[in-house]
């Protein structure tokens, strides 16, 4: 089974346009070029899952400490193959969050865009106010949404003048046409992503700031604010009328191709397959089953050591707790696992509150596990200058597993797409899967083995970001 790769989190950013030549760089790094050498990560604490349980841990009240939590979601077939197309979002973000095109607008280039997303949030703790420079790099992808606003980002957007001035995103907008192949090669790859906030003010711990409105009825954004971190202030970028932007954390998301050491699939007989061919130990592992108004889970407390392969049973729903009871029990157990990484308890609660509906209550079979910090530091180098005395970064991976049984159901439905009388039934089946419609359909077509089957419907649900990510 090959190591699978993730498109990460996908964002909708469509501007239908054409491009003559290469255009002019806008909105990116000051030079419009990719960053130079990737900065070295700041010193880190031990990997998640290796520290003892620290329930109730909180900022000790002295020193400069940075904590971060994040998630990454992938969908795999029973054979462990990554299924592309996880672009639908389960939770909306507030309107004040930046994306690449919106940031270009703030820098003075008018355009219109819609965006959808999913994770990392970074908290700063300090006993005294201070100013630090902060930047994050994504060598294998592009960072697509963030807040507060940054001073510069890359890869750059491009400006062109065909039929009037337009800002285009050559990375995510697959309708952009380049006059010269070299221009496409230079500007259209989802790689060498970078966000540079410039100077971030870590305000006094007791400072009272007015945060932008983000009602929980509309998004889960404000759960991440329920943490005792110092408030932050970032000076406004051009085009925002000079107002500074305050928030309880730094937020960013991205699209890219990431290698994960842990390989997950499923085997007949109601088991998932988990293999770790690397030498790196993975943190605590959860196997979850939700359906028919019920939910159940099991936990491999010791995680998955390097070189280990296991086939834990998918927990049965016979006699299982109701979904509501299951969600609360699993939330408590995952909070305990996050506490054990060294996250402060309110951070662990904020992370679980943000994601528990999707992680714990959505029907399906899934695996959750904690990545070691060494992986996060390599995948998303975070540079803070002057560096904190301690920096902890916790990344939880969510793997949605298409079991052999689900594959057969989906394959049967995919075959119905070719018949006018049954096409509607098949479409309804996949549309009911929400954000998982595209990856489940892609896997079903692969199982059927007929490349032409269902292509018209697949084209209607495939995102531009998926096409950009896999070269379609």
Foldseek 3Di string as FASTA:
>chain_A
DDFEKDQWEAKFWADQDEAEAQFAFFQAPPVLAFDDDDDAFDDADWWFFPFFFQAQDAPPLAFKEKEKEWETEFEAEQVLYTFDQLHFAPFADDPQKDFSVVSRVLQPFDDDTDIGIGIMWMFIAHNAKDKKWKKKKFAFFAWTIKPDAAQHKDNTWGWHQDVHIDTGQLQLHPNYYHPDPVSNVRRHHGGSIMTTLGMKIQDHLPDDDDADDDDVVRGLVCLQVQGSGGKMWGFGYHNPVGDIHIDRTIIIGITGIAGDQWGWRHDPPAWIKIFRQAQAFWHKKKKKAEDPQFIDIDIPHSGAGHGDIDIGGRDDRVVGHGLVVQLVVVLVVQLSSVSRRVDRSSNSNSVCSRCSCPQRRDHAIKMKIKGTVVRVCVRMPMDMVVDTPHYYYIYMYIYGYCYPVNLVVLLVLLQLCVPPVSVVVSVVVLVVNPSCSQSSNVSSCVVNPDVVGPPVVNVVSHGSNSCSHVVD
